[in-house]
Amino acid sequence: MKRGTTEHPKMKKLARCLNINRAHAIGILESLWHWAGKFAQQGNIGRHDDVDIAEAVFWEGDPSVLVAALLETHWIDEHPVHRLVIHDWEDHSDDAVRKYIQRHKLEFIPCRDIVQTESGQCQKKTRLPLPLPLPLP
């Protein structure tokens, strides 16, 4: 876990959203990152259902409550293709994950054709149509 994460406002908000102590929230996030490093190396945790994600982080409550809290606190983002991705996974992942990605000629799931809203969530870019060509004289 990166320095400063344990006291980050997002971590405190996650604990409040789930009505748990901060140590438990820290464990959830650390477990999520370890699990993703093994089973969703590109950050695309949405390939797994909410129950699997909840089990991965030892969450015993409603899996949809966990996922909603992770989304609300911007630890994960909705993605139009991959359903859910870890926010800034390329920055949070460890060297072993980076080596795996490189060795298997993969890429982290970026917000390609995706923009971050002011709230930090990802959404598909809207593209303006190309202008029609002018008629020839």
N, C-alpha and C. Protein backbone atom coordinates (compact mmCIF):
# COMPACT_ATOMS: atom_id res chain seq x y z
N MET A 1 0.85 -1.18 0.00
CA MET A 1 0.00 0.00 0.00
C MET A 1 0.89 1.23 0.00
N LYS A 2 0.53 2.20 -0.83
CA LYS A 2 1.33 3.42 -0.94
C LYS A 2 1.25 4.24 0.34
N ARG A 3 2.35 4.92 0.63
CA ARG A 3 2.39 5.79 1.80
C ARG A 3 1.29 6.83 1.70
N GLY A 4 0.61 7.05 2.80
CA GLY A 4 -0.44 8.05 2.86
C GLY A 4 -1.83 7.49 2.61
N THR A 5 -1.91 6.29 2.08
CA THR A 5 -3.22 5.71 1.76
C THR A 5 -4.05 5.47 3.01
N THR A 6 -3.40 5.05 4.08
CA THR A 6 -4.14 4.68 5.29
C THR A 6 -4.87 5.87 5.92
N GLU A 7 -4.34 7.08 5.74
CA GLU A 7 -5.03 8.25 6.31
C GLU A 7 -5.69 9.13 5.24
N HIS A 8 -5.73 8.62 4.01
CA HIS A 8 -6.35 9.39 2.92
C HIS A 8 -7.84 9.59 3.20
N PRO A 9 -8.38 10.76 2.86
CA PRO A 9 -9.81 10.99 3.07
C PRO A 9 -10.71 9.94 2.42
N LYS A 10 -10.28 9.41 1.27
CA LYS A 10 -11.08 8.36 0.62
C LYS A 10 -11.16 7.11 1.49
N MET A 11 -10.08 6.81 2.20
CA MET A 11 -10.07 5.64 3.08
C MET A 11 -11.03 5.86 4.25
N LYS A 12 -10.98 7.05 4.81
CA LYS A 12 -11.88 7.38 5.92
C LYS A 12 -13.33 7.32 5.46
N LYS A 13 -13.59 7.82 4.25
CA LYS A 13 -14.95 7.80 3.72
C LYS A 13 -15.42 6.36 3.47
N LEU A 14 -14.52 5.50 2.99
CA LEU A 14 -14.87 4.09 2.78
C LEU A 14 -15.31 3.46 4.10
N ALA A 15 -14.55 3.72 5.15
CA ALA A 15 -14.90 3.18 6.47
C ALA A 15 -16.28 3.68 6.91
N ARG A 16 -16.54 4.97 6.69
CA ARG A 16 -17.85 5.51 7.07
C ARG A 16 -18.97 4.90 6.23
N CYS A 17 -18.74 4.79 4.93
CA CYS A 17 -19.77 4.23 4.04
C CYS A 17 -20.15 2.80 4.42
N LEU A 18 -19.17 2.04 4.86
CA LEU A 18 -19.41 0.64 5.20
C LEU A 18 -19.71 0.44 6.68
N ASN A 19 -19.63 1.54 7.44
CA ASN A 19 -19.86 1.48 8.89
C ASN A 19 -18.91 0.48 9.57
N ILE A 20 -17.62 0.62 9.22
CA ILE A 20 -16.58 -0.24 9.78
C ILE A 20 -15.44 0.65 10.27
N ASN A 21 -14.51 0.08 11.04
CA ASN A 21 -13.37 0.90 11.46
C ASN A 21 -12.37 1.00 10.31
N ARG A 22 -11.50 1.98 10.40
CA ARG A 22 -10.56 2.24 9.31
C ARG A 22 -9.60 1.07 9.09
N ALA A 23 -9.21 0.37 10.14
CA ALA A 23 -8.32 -0.79 9.96
C ALA A 23 -8.98 -1.84 9.07
N HIS A 24 -10.26 -2.04 9.23
CA HIS A 24 -10.99 -2.98 8.39
C HIS A 24 -11.03 -2.48 6.94
N ALA A 25 -11.26 -1.19 6.76
CA ALA A 25 -11.28 -0.60 5.41
C ALA A 25 -9.92 -0.75 4.74
N ILE A 26 -8.86 -0.54 5.50
CA ILE A 26 -7.51 -0.70 4.97
C ILE A 26 -7.30 -2.14 4.52
N GLY A 27 -7.77 -3.08 5.32
CA GLY A 27 -7.65 -4.49 4.97
C GLY A 27 -8.42 -4.84 3.71
N ILE A 28 -9.60 -4.25 3.56
CA ILE A 28 -10.39 -4.48 2.35
C ILE A 28 -9.63 -4.02 1.12
N LEU A 29 -9.11 -2.82 1.17
CA LEU A 29 -8.42 -2.28 0.00
C LEU A 29 -7.14 -3.06 -0.29
N GLU A 30 -6.37 -3.36 0.74
CA GLU A 30 -5.14 -4.13 0.54
C GLU A 30 -5.47 -5.51 -0.05
N SER A 31 -6.52 -6.14 0.46
CA SER A 31 -6.93 -7.45 -0.06
C SER A 31 -7.39 -7.34 -1.51
N LEU A 32 -8.11 -6.26 -1.82
CA LEU A 32 -8.56 -6.06 -3.20
C LEU A 32 -7.38 -5.96 -4.14
N TRP A 33 -6.38 -5.20 -3.75
CA TRP A 33 -5.21 -5.03 -4.61
C TRP A 33 -4.42 -6.33 -4.76
N HIS A 34 -4.28 -7.09 -3.68
CA HIS A 34 -3.58 -8.38 -3.79
C HIS A 34 -4.34 -9.33 -4.70
N TRP A 35 -5.67 -9.39 -4.51
CA TRP A 35 -6.50 -10.28 -5.30
C TRP A 35 -6.47 -9.89 -6.78
N ALA A 36 -6.58 -8.60 -7.06
CA ALA A 36 -6.53 -8.13 -8.45
C ALA A 36 -5.18 -8.46 -9.08
N GLY A 37 -4.13 -8.36 -8.29
CA GLY A 37 -2.80 -8.69 -8.80
C GLY A 37 -2.68 -10.14 -9.24
N LYS A 38 -3.55 -10.98 -8.71
CA LYS A 38 -3.52 -12.39 -9.07
C LYS A 38 -4.60 -12.78 -10.07
N PHE A 39 -5.77 -12.13 -10.00
CA PHE A 39 -6.91 -12.57 -10.80
C PHE A 39 -7.49 -11.52 -11.75
N ALA A 40 -6.96 -10.32 -11.72
CA ALA A 40 -7.40 -9.27 -12.64
C ALA A 40 -6.23 -8.30 -12.84
N GLN A 41 -5.15 -8.85 -13.36
CA GLN A 41 -3.89 -8.11 -13.43
C GLN A 41 -4.00 -6.79 -14.18
N GLN A 42 -4.91 -6.70 -15.11
CA GLN A 42 -5.06 -5.47 -15.88
C GLN A 42 -5.92 -4.44 -15.16
N GLY A 43 -6.46 -4.82 -14.00
CA GLY A 43 -7.30 -3.91 -13.23
C GLY A 43 -8.78 -4.09 -13.49
N ASN A 44 -9.13 -5.03 -14.36
CA ASN A 44 -10.51 -5.24 -14.78
C ASN A 44 -11.23 -6.20 -13.83
N ILE A 45 -11.47 -5.75 -12.62
CA ILE A 45 -12.11 -6.62 -11.63
C ILE A 45 -13.56 -6.91 -11.96
N GLY A 46 -14.16 -6.13 -12.86
CA GLY A 46 -15.54 -6.35 -13.26
C GLY A 46 -15.75 -7.63 -14.03
N ARG A 47 -14.68 -8.31 -14.39
CA ARG A 47 -14.83 -9.63 -15.03
C ARG A 47 -15.32 -10.66 -14.02
N HIS A 48 -15.21 -10.32 -12.74
CA HIS A 48 -15.69 -11.16 -11.65
C HIS A 48 -16.98 -10.55 -11.11
N ASP A 49 -17.87 -11.39 -10.60
CA ASP A 49 -19.11 -10.83 -10.07
C ASP A 49 -18.88 -10.25 -8.68
N ASP A 50 -19.88 -9.53 -8.19
CA ASP A 50 -19.76 -8.83 -6.92
C ASP A 50 -19.52 -9.80 -5.75
N VAL A 51 -20.10 -10.98 -5.83
CA VAL A 51 -19.90 -11.97 -4.76
C VAL A 51 -18.43 -12.38 -4.69
N ASP A 52 -17.82 -12.62 -5.85
CA ASP A 52 -16.40 -12.98 -5.88
C ASP A 52 -15.52 -11.86 -5.34
N ILE A 53 -15.86 -10.63 -5.69
CA ILE A 53 -15.09 -9.48 -5.20
C ILE A 53 -15.23 -9.39 -3.68
N ALA A 54 -16.44 -9.55 -3.18
CA ALA A 54 -16.67 -9.49 -1.73
C ALA A 54 -15.90 -10.59 -1.01
N GLU A 55 -15.94 -11.80 -1.54
CA GLU A 55 -15.20 -12.90 -0.92
C GLU A 55 -13.70 -12.63 -0.94
N ALA A 56 -13.23 -12.01 -2.01
CA ALA A 56 -11.79 -11.74 -2.13
C ALA A 56 -11.29 -10.81 -1.03
N VAL A 57 -12.16 -9.93 -0.54
CA VAL A 57 -11.74 -8.95 0.46
C VAL A 57 -12.31 -9.29 1.85
N PHE A 58 -12.85 -10.50 1.98
CA PHE A 58 -13.36 -11.00 3.26
C PHE A 58 -14.56 -10.20 3.77
N TRP A 59 -15.35 -9.64 2.83
CA TRP A 59 -16.53 -8.87 3.18
C TRP A 59 -17.67 -9.86 3.41
N GLU A 60 -18.27 -9.80 4.59
CA GLU A 60 -19.35 -10.73 4.94
C GLU A 60 -20.73 -10.14 4.76
N GLY A 61 -20.81 -8.86 4.43
CA GLY A 61 -22.10 -8.22 4.21
C GLY A 61 -22.56 -8.39 2.77
N ASP A 62 -23.52 -7.60 2.40
CA ASP A 62 -24.09 -7.62 1.05
C ASP A 62 -23.02 -7.17 0.05
N PRO A 63 -22.69 -8.01 -0.93
CA PRO A 63 -21.65 -7.64 -1.90
C PRO A 63 -21.95 -6.35 -2.66
N SER A 64 -23.23 -6.09 -2.94
CA SER A 64 -23.56 -4.87 -3.68
C SER A 64 -23.30 -3.61 -2.84
N VAL A 65 -23.41 -3.73 -1.53
CA VAL A 65 -23.11 -2.60 -0.63
C VAL A 65 -21.61 -2.30 -0.69
N LEU A 66 -20.80 -3.33 -0.67
CA LEU A 66 -19.34 -3.16 -0.77
C LEU A 66 -18.97 -2.47 -2.08
N VAL A 67 -19.48 -3.00 -3.19
CA VAL A 67 -19.14 -2.44 -4.50
C VAL A 67 -19.63 -1.00 -4.60
N ALA A 68 -20.82 -0.73 -4.11
CA ALA A 68 -21.34 0.65 -4.14
C ALA A 68 -20.44 1.59 -3.34
N ALA A 69 -19.96 1.14 -2.20
CA ALA A 69 -19.08 1.97 -1.37
C ALA A 69 -17.74 2.20 -2.06
N LEU A 70 -17.19 1.18 -2.69
CA LEU A 70 -15.92 1.33 -3.42
C LEU A 70 -16.08 2.29 -4.59
N LEU A 71 -17.24 2.25 -5.24
CA LEU A 71 -17.51 3.19 -6.33
C LEU A 71 -17.68 4.61 -5.80
N GLU A 72 -18.46 4.75 -4.74
CA GLU A 72 -18.73 6.08 -4.18
C GLU A 72 -17.45 6.75 -3.69
N THR A 73 -16.51 5.97 -3.18
CA THR A 73 -15.27 6.53 -2.65
C THR A 73 -14.15 6.55 -3.69
N HIS A 74 -14.47 6.14 -4.90
CA HIS A 74 -13.57 6.24 -6.06
C HIS A 74 -12.34 5.34 -5.96
N TRP A 75 -12.46 4.23 -5.25
CA TRP A 75 -11.38 3.24 -5.28
C TRP A 75 -11.52 2.36 -6.52
N ILE A 76 -12.74 2.25 -7.03
CA ILE A 76 -12.98 1.57 -8.30
C ILE A 76 -13.85 2.48 -9.16
N ASP A 77 -13.83 2.23 -10.45
CA ASP A 77 -14.62 3.02 -11.40
C ASP A 77 -15.48 2.10 -12.23
N GLU A 78 -16.65 2.60 -12.62
CA GLU A 78 -17.45 1.89 -13.60
C GLU A 78 -16.76 2.03 -14.95
N HIS A 79 -16.90 1.00 -15.78
CA HIS A 79 -16.26 1.01 -17.09
C HIS A 79 -17.25 0.45 -18.10
N PRO A 80 -17.40 1.10 -19.24
CA PRO A 80 -18.41 0.65 -20.20
C PRO A 80 -18.11 -0.71 -20.84
N VAL A 81 -16.87 -1.13 -20.81
CA VAL A 81 -16.50 -2.41 -21.41
C VAL A 81 -16.25 -3.47 -20.34
N HIS A 82 -15.52 -3.11 -19.30
CA HIS A 82 -15.08 -4.08 -18.29
C HIS A 82 -15.91 -4.05 -17.02
N ARG A 83 -16.98 -3.32 -17.00
CA ARG A 83 -17.91 -3.17 -15.87
C ARG A 83 -17.27 -2.40 -14.72
N LEU A 84 -16.22 -2.95 -14.11
CA LEU A 84 -15.54 -2.29 -13.00
C LEU A 84 -14.03 -2.39 -13.20
N VAL A 85 -13.33 -1.32 -12.93
CA VAL A 85 -11.86 -1.33 -12.95
C VAL A 85 -11.35 -0.64 -11.69
N ILE A 86 -10.17 -1.01 -11.28
CA ILE A 86 -9.56 -0.35 -10.13
C ILE A 86 -9.06 1.01 -10.56
N HIS A 87 -9.45 2.01 -9.81
CA HIS A 87 -9.07 3.39 -10.11
C HIS A 87 -7.54 3.53 -10.05
N ASP A 88 -6.96 4.05 -11.12
CA ASP A 88 -5.50 4.27 -11.20
C ASP A 88 -4.70 3.01 -10.88
N TRP A 89 -5.16 1.86 -11.35
CA TRP A 89 -4.50 0.59 -11.05
C TRP A 89 -3.04 0.59 -11.45
N GLU A 90 -2.73 1.19 -12.56
CA GLU A 90 -1.33 1.23 -13.00
C GLU A 90 -0.44 1.89 -11.94
N ASP A 91 -0.98 2.85 -11.21
CA ASP A 91 -0.23 3.52 -10.15
C ASP A 91 -0.19 2.69 -8.87
N HIS A 92 -1.27 1.95 -8.58
CA HIS A 92 -1.38 1.23 -7.32
C HIS A 92 -0.76 -0.16 -7.36
N SER A 93 -0.67 -0.75 -8.52
CA SER A 93 -0.19 -2.13 -8.60
C SER A 93 1.29 -2.21 -8.27
N ASP A 94 1.69 -3.40 -7.83
CA ASP A 94 3.09 -3.58 -7.44
C ASP A 94 3.95 -4.01 -8.63
N ASP A 95 5.24 -4.16 -8.39
CA ASP A 95 6.18 -4.51 -9.46
C ASP A 95 5.88 -5.87 -10.07
N ALA A 96 5.41 -6.82 -9.27
CA ALA A 96 5.09 -8.14 -9.79
C ALA A 96 3.98 -8.06 -10.84
N VAL A 97 2.98 -7.25 -10.58
CA VAL A 97 1.88 -7.08 -11.54
C VAL A 97 2.40 -6.40 -12.80
N ARG A 98 3.21 -5.38 -12.64
CA ARG A 98 3.76 -4.68 -13.81
C ARG A 98 4.59 -5.62 -14.67
N LYS A 99 5.37 -6.48 -14.02
CA LYS A 99 6.18 -7.46 -14.76
C LYS A 99 5.28 -8.46 -15.47
N TYR A 100 4.22 -8.90 -14.82
CA TYR A 100 3.27 -9.83 -15.44
C TYR A 100 2.67 -9.20 -16.70
N ILE A 101 2.22 -7.96 -16.56
CA ILE A 101 1.62 -7.24 -17.69
C ILE A 101 2.61 -7.15 -18.84
N GLN A 102 3.84 -6.80 -18.53
CA GLN A 102 4.88 -6.66 -19.56
C GLN A 102 5.21 -8.01 -20.18
N ARG A 103 5.41 -9.02 -19.35
CA ARG A 103 5.80 -10.35 -19.82
C ARG A 103 4.73 -10.96 -20.74
N HIS A 104 3.48 -10.71 -20.44
CA HIS A 104 2.38 -11.26 -21.23
C HIS A 104 1.90 -10.31 -22.33
N LYS A 105 2.66 -9.23 -22.52
CA LYS A 105 2.35 -8.24 -23.56
C LYS A 105 0.90 -7.73 -23.45
N LEU A 106 0.53 -7.42 -22.23
CA LEU A 106 -0.79 -6.88 -21.94
C LEU A 106 -0.66 -5.40 -21.64
N GLU A 107 -1.78 -4.76 -21.42
CA GLU A 107 -1.80 -3.36 -21.00
C GLU A 107 -2.74 -3.23 -19.82
N PHE A 108 -2.45 -2.27 -18.97
CA PHE A 108 -3.42 -1.94 -17.93
C PHE A 108 -4.66 -1.41 -18.61
N ILE A 109 -5.80 -1.62 -18.00
CA ILE A 109 -7.03 -1.10 -18.59
C ILE A 109 -7.04 0.41 -18.33
N PRO A 110 -6.77 1.17 -19.35
CA PRO A 110 -6.77 2.63 -19.17
C PRO A 110 -8.16 3.17 -19.40
N CYS A 111 -8.31 4.42 -19.16
CA CYS A 111 -9.56 5.08 -19.48
C CYS A 111 -9.44 5.58 -20.92
N ARG A 112 -9.13 4.65 -21.81
CA ARG A 112 -9.01 4.95 -23.23
C ARG A 112 -10.41 5.17 -23.78
N ASP A 113 -10.60 6.24 -24.51
CA ASP A 113 -11.92 6.64 -24.97
C ASP A 113 -12.85 6.85 -23.78
N ILE A 114 -12.25 7.03 -22.64
CA ILE A 114 -12.99 7.24 -21.41
C ILE A 114 -12.45 8.54 -20.81
N VAL A 115 -13.32 9.32 -20.23
CA VAL A 115 -12.88 10.52 -19.53
C VAL A 115 -13.32 10.42 -18.08
N GLN A 116 -12.57 11.07 -17.23
CA GLN A 116 -12.96 11.11 -15.83
C GLN A 116 -13.84 12.33 -15.60
N THR A 117 -14.93 12.10 -14.93
CA THR A 117 -15.82 13.20 -14.58
C THR A 117 -15.22 13.94 -13.39
N GLU A 118 -15.83 15.04 -13.01
CA GLU A 118 -15.35 15.80 -11.86
C GLU A 118 -15.38 14.96 -10.59
N SER A 119 -16.28 13.99 -10.54
CA SER A 119 -16.36 13.13 -9.35
C SER A 119 -15.32 12.03 -9.37
N GLY A 120 -14.54 11.91 -10.46
CA GLY A 120 -13.50 10.90 -10.53
C GLY A 120 -13.93 9.62 -11.22
N GLN A 121 -15.18 9.53 -11.63
CA GLN A 121 -15.66 8.32 -12.30
C GLN A 121 -15.30 8.38 -13.79
N CYS A 122 -15.26 7.20 -14.40
CA CYS A 122 -14.96 7.13 -15.83
C CYS A 122 -16.25 7.02 -16.61
N GLN A 123 -16.28 7.68 -17.76
CA GLN A 123 -17.41 7.50 -18.66
C GLN A 123 -16.89 7.59 -20.09
N LYS A 124 -17.61 6.97 -21.00
CA LYS A 124 -17.20 6.94 -22.40
C LYS A 124 -17.21 8.35 -22.98
N LYS A 125 -16.15 8.68 -23.74
CA LYS A 125 -16.08 9.99 -24.39
C LYS A 125 -17.17 10.07 -25.45
N THR A 126 -17.76 11.22 -25.55
CA THR A 126 -18.69 11.44 -26.65
C THR A 126 -17.91 12.16 -27.73
N ARG A 127 -18.01 11.65 -28.91
CA ARG A 127 -17.28 12.24 -30.02
C ARG A 127 -18.24 13.00 -30.92
N LEU A 128 -17.80 14.16 -31.31
CA LEU A 128 -18.60 14.95 -32.22
C LEU A 128 -18.48 14.35 -33.61
N PRO A 129 -19.55 14.37 -34.38
CA PRO A 129 -19.45 13.84 -35.74
C PRO A 129 -18.53 14.72 -36.58
N LEU A 130 -17.87 14.09 -37.53
CA LEU A 130 -17.02 14.85 -38.44
C LEU A 130 -17.89 15.73 -39.33
N PRO A 131 -17.40 16.91 -39.65
CA PRO A 131 -18.21 17.79 -40.51
C PRO A 131 -18.34 17.18 -41.92
N LEU A 132 -19.46 17.43 -42.54
CA LEU A 132 -19.64 16.97 -43.90
C LEU A 132 -18.75 17.78 -44.84
N PRO A 133 -18.24 17.14 -45.88
CA PRO A 133 -17.41 17.91 -46.82
C PRO A 133 -18.24 18.94 -47.57
N LEU A 134 -17.60 20.02 -47.90
CA LEU A 134 -18.29 21.07 -48.67
C LEU A 134 -18.48 20.57 -50.10
N PRO A 135 -19.60 20.92 -50.71
CA PRO A 135 -19.82 20.51 -52.10
C PRO A 135 -18.83 21.21 -53.04
N LEU A 136 -18.46 20.53 -54.07
CA LEU A 136 -17.55 21.11 -55.06
C LEU A 136 -18.32 22.11 -55.92
N PRO A 137 -17.67 23.20 -56.31
CA PRO A 137 -18.37 24.22 -57.13
C PRO A 137 -18.63 23.72 -58.54
